[in-house]
Amino acid sequence: MTAFLAATVVAGTPLLFATLGELITEKAGNLNLGVEGMMLMGAVMGFAVGLWTGNPYLALLGAIGAGA
C-alpha cells in the first residue's frame, strides 16, 4: 500500500506543476486549456527523439519544440 501511495505522488507531481502554472497564467488573464496535451506531446516527442538519436540534448530540444 505504501508503494502505491508513493507511485501516485510521483505520477501526479508533473500534473500538479502544470496545474499550478495554469492557475498563475489564468490569474494573469490568459486561458490555456491545452496544458496537459502540450505536456503529453512534449513527453512523447522527447522519448521518440531520444530513442531515435540516442542524444539526450536532441531529445530535450524535441520535447521543447513539441511543447511550444
PDB file of N, CA and C in Angstrom:
ATOM      1  N   MET A   1       0.821  -1.192   0.000  1.00  0.00           N
ATOM      2  CA  MET A   1       0.000   0.000   0.000  1.00  0.00           C
ATOM      3  C   MET A   1       0.863   1.254   0.000  1.00  0.00           C
ATOM      4  N   THR A   2       1.966   1.228   0.724  1.00  0.00           N
ATOM      5  CA  THR A   2       2.855   2.373   0.766  1.00  0.00           C
ATOM      6  C   THR A   2       3.477   2.634  -0.602  1.00  0.00           C
ATOM      7  N   ALA A   3       3.829   1.567  -1.316  1.00  0.00           N
ATOM      8  CA  ALA A   3       4.411   1.726  -2.648  1.00  0.00           C
ATOM      9  C   ALA A   3       3.390   2.335  -3.613  1.00  0.00           C
ATOM     10  N   PHE A   4       2.138   1.957  -3.477  1.00  0.00           N
ATOM     11  CA  PHE A   4       1.087   2.519  -4.334  1.00  0.00           C
ATOM     12  C   PHE A   4       0.921   4.016  -4.083  1.00  0.00           C
ATOM     13  N   LEU A   5       0.903   4.405  -2.822  1.00  0.00           N
ATOM     14  CA  LEU A   5       0.781   5.826  -2.494  1.00  0.00           C
ATOM     15  C   LEU A   5       1.985   6.620  -2.979  1.00  0.00           C
ATOM     16  N   ALA A   6       3.168   6.048  -2.862  1.00  0.00           N
ATOM     17  CA  ALA A   6       4.368   6.724  -3.355  1.00  0.00           C
ATOM     18  C   ALA A   6       4.315   6.868  -4.872  1.00  0.00           C
ATOM     19  N   ALA A   7       3.831   5.847  -5.557  1.00  0.00           N
ATOM     20  CA  ALA A   7       3.727   5.908  -7.016  1.00  0.00           C
ATOM     21  C   ALA A   7       2.705   6.944  -7.457  1.00  0.00           C
ATOM     22  N   THR A   8       1.613   7.097  -6.727  1.00  0.00           N
ATOM     23  CA  THR A   8       0.624   8.107  -7.100  1.00  0.00           C
ATOM     24  C   THR A   8       1.165   9.513  -6.911  1.00  0.00           C
ATOM     25  N   VAL A   9       1.960   9.718  -5.876  1.00  0.00           N
ATOM     26  CA  VAL A   9       2.562  11.038  -5.662  1.00  0.00           C
ATOM     27  C   VAL A   9       3.561  11.340  -6.780  1.00  0.00           C
ATOM     28  N   VAL A  10       4.364  10.354  -7.136  1.00  0.00           N
ATOM     29  CA  VAL A  10       5.352  10.546  -8.207  1.00  0.00           C
ATOM     30  C   VAL A  10       4.658  10.799  -9.536  1.00  0.00           C
ATOM     31  N   ALA A  11       3.597  10.063  -9.844  1.00  0.00           N
ATOM     32  CA  ALA A  11       2.896  10.228 -11.116  1.00  0.00           C
ATOM     33  C   ALA A  11       2.093  11.526 -11.160  1.00  0.00           C
ATOM     34  N   GLY A  12       1.634  12.004 -10.029  1.00  0.00           N
ATOM     35  CA  GLY A  12       0.808  13.200 -10.004  1.00  0.00           C
ATOM     36  C   GLY A  12       1.567  14.506  -9.910  1.00  0.00           C
ATOM     37  N   THR A  13       2.848  14.454  -9.586  1.00  0.00           N
ATOM     38  CA  THR A  13       3.622  15.678  -9.420  1.00  0.00           C
ATOM     39  C   THR A  13       3.710  16.510 -10.699  1.00  0.00           C
ATOM     40  N   PRO A  14       3.982  15.917 -11.879  1.00  0.00           N
ATOM     41  CA  PRO A  14       4.007  16.756 -13.090  1.00  0.00           C
ATOM     42  C   PRO A  14       2.668  17.429 -13.378  1.00  0.00           C
ATOM     43  N   LEU A  15       1.579  16.747 -13.129  1.00  0.00           N
ATOM     44  CA  LEU A  15       0.266  17.360 -13.337  1.00  0.00           C
ATOM     45  C   LEU A  15       0.025  18.481 -12.331  1.00  0.00           C
ATOM     46  N   LEU A  16       0.546  18.327 -11.132  1.00  0.00           N
ATOM     47  CA  LEU A  16       0.427  19.388 -10.131  1.00  0.00           C
ATOM     48  C   LEU A  16       1.180  20.642 -10.579  1.00  0.00           C
ATOM     49  N   PHE A  17       2.370  20.451 -11.150  1.00  0.00           N
ATOM     50  CA  PHE A  17       3.132  21.595 -11.659  1.00  0.00           C
ATOM     51  C   PHE A  17       2.400  22.269 -12.809  1.00  0.00           C
ATOM     52  N   ALA A  18       1.812  21.479 -13.708  1.00  0.00           N
ATOM     53  CA  ALA A  18       1.060  22.060 -14.829  1.00  0.00           C
ATOM     54  C   ALA A  18      -0.153  22.816 -14.316  1.00  0.00           C
ATOM     55  N   THR A  19      -0.822  22.276 -13.328  1.00  0.00           N
ATOM     56  CA  THR A  19      -1.988  22.945 -12.766  1.00  0.00           C
ATOM     57  C   THR A  19      -1.597  24.252 -12.095  1.00  0.00           C
ATOM     58  N   LEU A  20      -0.509  24.232 -11.356  1.00  0.00           N
ATOM     59  CA  LEU A  20      -0.044  25.453 -10.698  1.00  0.00           C
ATOM     60  C   LEU A  20       0.329  26.522 -11.723  1.00  0.00           C
ATOM     61  N   GLY A  21       1.021  26.120 -12.787  1.00  0.00           N
ATOM     62  CA  GLY A  21       1.376  27.062 -13.839  1.00  0.00           C
ATOM     63  C   GLY A  21       0.155  27.622 -14.538  1.00  0.00           C
ATOM     64  N   GLU A  22      -0.847  26.786 -14.767  1.00  0.00           N
ATOM     65  CA  GLU A  22      -2.078  27.249 -15.413  1.00  0.00           C
ATOM     66  C   GLU A  22      -2.851  28.202 -14.502  1.00  0.00           C
ATOM     67  N   LEU A  23      -2.857  27.951 -13.214  1.00  0.00           N
ATOM     68  CA  LEU A  23      -3.531  28.867 -12.293  1.00  0.00           C
ATOM     69  C   LEU A  23      -2.866  30.244 -12.293  1.00  0.00           C
ATOM     70  N   ILE A  24      -1.547  30.263 -12.324  1.00  0.00           N
ATOM     71  CA  ILE A  24      -0.844  31.538 -12.370  1.00  0.00           C
ATOM     72  C   ILE A  24      -1.129  32.248 -13.686  1.00  0.00           C
ATOM     73  N   THR A  25      -1.169  31.487 -14.789  1.00  0.00           N
ATOM     74  CA  THR A  25      -1.463  32.074 -16.096  1.00  0.00           C
ATOM     75  C   THR A  25      -2.871  32.638 -16.138  1.00  0.00           C
ATOM     76  N   GLU A  26      -3.834  31.931 -15.555  1.00  0.00           N
ATOM     77  CA  GLU A  26      -5.209  32.423 -15.544  1.00  0.00           C
ATOM     78  C   GLU A  26      -5.346  33.678 -14.684  1.00  0.00           C
ATOM     79  N   LYS A  27      -4.571  33.773 -13.612  1.00  0.00           N
ATOM     80  CA  LYS A  27      -4.598  34.993 -12.804  1.00  0.00           C
ATOM     81  C   LYS A  27      -4.100  36.187 -13.603  1.00  0.00           C
ATOM     82  N   ALA A  28      -3.208  35.925 -14.567  1.00  0.00           N
ATOM     83  CA  ALA A  28      -2.682  36.991 -15.413  1.00  0.00           C
ATOM     84  C   ALA A  28      -3.657  37.363 -16.525  1.00  0.00           C
ATOM     85  N   GLY A  29      -4.708  36.585 -16.718  1.00  0.00           N
ATOM     86  CA  GLY A  29      -5.717  36.923 -17.707  1.00  0.00           C
ATOM     87  C   GLY A  29      -5.725  36.055 -18.946  1.00  0.00           C
ATOM     88  N   ASN A  30      -4.868  35.054 -19.029  1.00  0.00           N
ATOM     89  CA  ASN A  30      -4.837  34.152 -20.182  1.00  0.00           C
ATOM     90  C   ASN A  30      -5.513  32.838 -19.814  1.00  0.00           C
ATOM     91  N   LEU A  31      -6.096  32.174 -20.814  1.00  0.00           N
ATOM     92  CA  LEU A  31      -6.719  30.872 -20.597  1.00  0.00           C
ATOM     93  C   LEU A  31      -6.132  29.893 -21.591  1.00  0.00           C
ATOM     94  N   ASN A  32      -5.535  28.835 -21.098  1.00  0.00           N
ATOM     95  CA  ASN A  32      -4.949  27.814 -21.955  1.00  0.00           C
ATOM     96  C   ASN A  32      -5.467  26.468 -21.468  1.00  0.00           C
ATOM     97  N   LEU A  33      -6.346  25.870 -22.247  1.00  0.00           N
ATOM     98  CA  LEU A  33      -6.924  24.587 -21.846  1.00  0.00           C
ATOM     99  C   LEU A  33      -6.105  23.392 -22.330  1.00  0.00           C
ATOM    100  N   GLY A  34      -5.020  23.639 -23.032  1.00  0.00           N
ATOM    101  CA  GLY A  34      -4.246  22.549 -23.607  1.00  0.00           C
ATOM    102  C   GLY A  34      -2.970  22.219 -22.876  1.00  0.00           C
ATOM    103  N   VAL A  35      -2.873  22.557 -21.611  1.00  0.00           N
ATOM    104  CA  VAL A  35      -1.624  22.345 -20.869  1.00  0.00           C
ATOM    105  C   VAL A  35      -1.277  20.861 -20.796  1.00  0.00           C
ATOM    106  N   GLU A  36      -2.236  20.015 -20.488  1.00  0.00           N
ATOM    107  CA  GLU A  36      -1.955  18.587 -20.366  1.00  0.00           C
ATOM    108  C   GLU A  36      -1.564  17.991 -21.710  1.00  0.00           C
ATOM    109  N   GLY A  37      -2.210  18.457 -22.776  1.00  0.00           N
ATOM    110  CA  GLY A  37      -1.863  17.974 -24.113  1.00  0.00           C
ATOM    111  C   GLY A  37      -0.464  18.385 -24.529  1.00  0.00           C
ATOM    112  N   MET A  38      -0.078  19.606 -24.181  1.00  0.00           N
ATOM    113  CA  MET A  38       1.283  20.049 -24.501  1.00  0.00           C
ATOM    114  C   MET A  38       2.313  19.239 -23.724  1.00  0.00           C
ATOM    115  N   MET A  39       2.011  18.926 -22.481  1.00  0.00           N
ATOM    116  CA  MET A  39       2.925  18.100 -21.697  1.00  0.00           C
ATOM    117  C   MET A  39       3.042  16.704 -22.278  1.00  0.00           C
ATOM    118  N   LEU A  40       1.914  16.137 -22.693  1.00  0.00           N
ATOM    119  CA  LEU A  40       1.915  14.793 -23.267  1.00  0.00           C
ATOM    120  C   LEU A  40       2.691  14.762 -24.573  1.00  0.00           C
ATOM    121  N   MET A  41       2.459  15.733 -25.453  1.00  0.00           N
ATOM    122  CA  MET A  41       3.165  15.763 -26.727  1.00  0.00           C
ATOM    123  C   MET A  41       4.663  15.978 -26.522  1.00  0.00           C
ATOM    124  N   GLY A  42       5.023  16.819 -25.569  1.00  0.00           N
ATOM    125  CA  GLY A  42       6.439  17.018 -25.269  1.00  0.00           C
ATOM    126  C   GLY A  42       7.100  15.750 -24.763  1.00  0.00           C
ATOM    127  N   ALA A  43       6.397  15.008 -23.913  1.00  0.00           N
ATOM    128  CA  ALA A  43       6.962  13.763 -23.380  1.00  0.00           C
ATOM    129  C   ALA A  43       7.112  12.715 -24.476  1.00  0.00           C
ATOM    130  N   VAL A  44       6.106  12.588 -25.325  1.00  0.00           N
ATOM    131  CA  VAL A  44       6.166  11.595 -26.401  1.00  0.00           C
ATOM    132  C   VAL A  44       7.264  11.954 -27.399  1.00  0.00           C
ATOM    133  N   MET A  45       7.341  13.217 -27.792  1.00  0.00           N
ATOM    134  CA  MET A  45       8.356  13.624 -28.761  1.00  0.00           C
ATOM    135  C   MET A  45       9.753  13.508 -28.171  1.00  0.00           C
ATOM    136  N   GLY A  46       9.918  13.881 -26.907  1.00  0.00           N
ATOM    137  CA  GLY A  46      11.219  13.727 -26.272  1.00  0.00           C
ATOM    138  C   GLY A  46      11.659  12.282 -26.216  1.00  0.00           C
ATOM    139  N   PHE A  47      10.734  11.394 -25.915  1.00  0.00           N
ATOM    140  CA  PHE A  47      11.059   9.963 -25.875  1.00  0.00           C
ATOM    141  C   PHE A  47      11.412   9.460 -27.266  1.00  0.00           C
ATOM    142  N   ALA A  48      10.618   9.858 -28.259  1.00  0.00           N
ATOM    143  CA  ALA A  48      10.848   9.372 -29.618  1.00  0.00           C
ATOM    144  C   ALA A  48      12.190   9.863 -30.168  1.00  0.00           C
ATOM    145  N   VAL A  49      12.485  11.139 -29.977  1.00  0.00           N
ATOM    146  CA  VAL A  49      13.755  11.676 -30.475  1.00  0.00           C
ATOM    147  C   VAL A  49      14.923  11.050 -29.724  1.00  0.00           C
ATOM    148  N   GLY A  50      14.760  10.863 -28.429  1.00  0.00           N
ATOM    149  CA  GLY A  50      15.819  10.216 -27.658  1.00  0.00           C
ATOM    150  C   GLY A  50      16.042   8.772 -28.074  1.00  0.00           C
ATOM    151  N   LEU A  51      14.973   8.091 -28.428  1.00  0.00           N
ATOM    152  CA  LEU A  51      15.087   6.701 -28.876  1.00  0.00           C
ATOM    153  C   LEU A  51      15.760   6.631 -30.235  1.00  0.00           C
ATOM    154  N   TRP A  52      15.390   7.536 -31.141  1.00  0.00           N
ATOM    155  CA  TRP A  52      15.949   7.511 -32.495  1.00  0.00           C
ATOM    156  C   TRP A  52      17.384   7.962 -32.540  1.00  0.00           C
ATOM    157  N   THR A  53      17.731   8.996 -31.790  1.00  0.00           N
ATOM    158  CA  THR A  53      19.079   9.561 -31.893  1.00  0.00           C
ATOM    159  C   THR A  53      20.024   9.086 -30.802  1.00  0.00           C
ATOM    160  N   GLY A  54      19.492   8.762 -29.644  1.00  0.00           N
ATOM    161  CA  GLY A  54      20.342   8.390 -28.519  1.00  0.00           C
ATOM    162  C   GLY A  54      21.001   9.588 -27.855  1.00  0.00           C
ATOM    163  N   ASN A  55      20.612  10.784 -28.254  1.00  0.00           N
ATOM    164  CA  ASN A  55      21.203  12.006 -27.722  1.00  0.00           C
ATOM    165  C   ASN A  55      20.198  12.690 -26.799  1.00  0.00           C
ATOM    166  N   PRO A  56      20.514  12.821 -25.514  1.00  0.00           N
ATOM    167  CA  PRO A  56      19.541  13.434 -24.604  1.00  0.00           C
ATOM    168  C   PRO A  56      19.307  14.914 -24.869  1.00  0.00           C
ATOM    169  N   TYR A  57      20.304  15.604 -25.422  1.00  0.00           N
ATOM    170  CA  TYR A  57      20.126  17.022 -25.705  1.00  0.00           C
ATOM    171  C   TYR A  57      19.177  17.240 -26.878  1.00  0.00           C
ATOM    172  N   LEU A  58      19.278  16.412 -27.900  1.00  0.00           N
ATOM    173  CA  LEU A  58      18.323  16.493 -29.003  1.00  0.00           C
ATOM    174  C   LEU A  58      16.927  16.091 -28.541  1.00  0.00           C
ATOM    175  N   ALA A  59      16.846  15.136 -27.614  1.00  0.00           N
ATOM    176  CA  ALA A  59      15.546  14.749 -27.067  1.00  0.00           C
ATOM    177  C   ALA A  59      14.925  15.912 -26.304  1.00  0.00           C
ATOM    178  N   LEU A  60      15.712  16.637 -25.565  1.00  0.00           N
ATOM    179  CA  LEU A  60      15.212  17.812 -24.849  1.00  0.00           C
ATOM    180  C   LEU A  60      14.737  18.887 -25.826  1.00  0.00           C
ATOM    181  N   LEU A  61      15.492  19.124 -26.883  1.00  0.00           N
ATOM    182  CA  LEU A  61      15.081  20.107 -27.880  1.00  0.00           C
ATOM    183  C   LEU A  61      13.796  19.668 -28.589  1.00  0.00           C
ATOM    184  N   GLY A  62      13.676  18.365 -28.860  1.00  0.00           N
ATOM    185  CA  GLY A  62      12.439  17.874 -29.479  1.00  0.00           C
ATOM    186  C   GLY A  62      11.237  18.042 -28.561  1.00  0.00           C
ATOM    187  N   ALA A  63      11.431  17.788 -27.279  1.00  0.00           N
ATOM    188  CA  ALA A  63      10.341  17.947 -26.316  1.00  0.00           C
ATOM    189  C   ALA A  63       9.940  19.414 -26.192  1.00  0.00           C
ATOM    190  N   ILE A  64      10.913  20.298 -26.168  1.00  0.00           N
ATOM    191  CA  ILE A  64      10.615  21.731 -26.084  1.00  0.00           C
ATOM    192  C   ILE A  64       9.894  22.183 -27.328  1.00  0.00           C
ATOM    193  N   GLY A  65      10.328  21.725 -28.487  1.00  0.00           N
ATOM    194  CA  GLY A  65       9.685  22.099 -29.732  1.00  0.00           C
ATOM    195  C   GLY A  65       8.255  21.600 -29.809  1.00  0.00           C
ATOM    196  N   ALA A  66       8.006  20.385 -29.380  1.00  0.00           N
ATOM    197  CA  ALA A  66       6.645  19.849 -29.423  1.00  0.00           C
ATOM    198  C   ALA A  66       5.754  20.542 -28.399  1.00  0.00           C
ATOM    199  N   GLY A  67       6.300  20.893 -27.254  1.00  0.00           N
ATOM    200  CA  GLY A  67       5.507  21.582 -26.243  1.00  0.00           C
ATOM    201  C   GLY A  67       5.188  23.021 -26.610  1.00  0.00           C
ATOM    202  N   ALA A  68       6.072  23.609 -27.381  1.00  0.00           N
ATOM    203  CA  ALA A  68       5.854  25.001 -27.789  1.00  0.00           C
ATOM    204  C   ALA A  68       4.793  25.057 -28.857  1.00  0.00           C
TER     205      ALA A  68
END
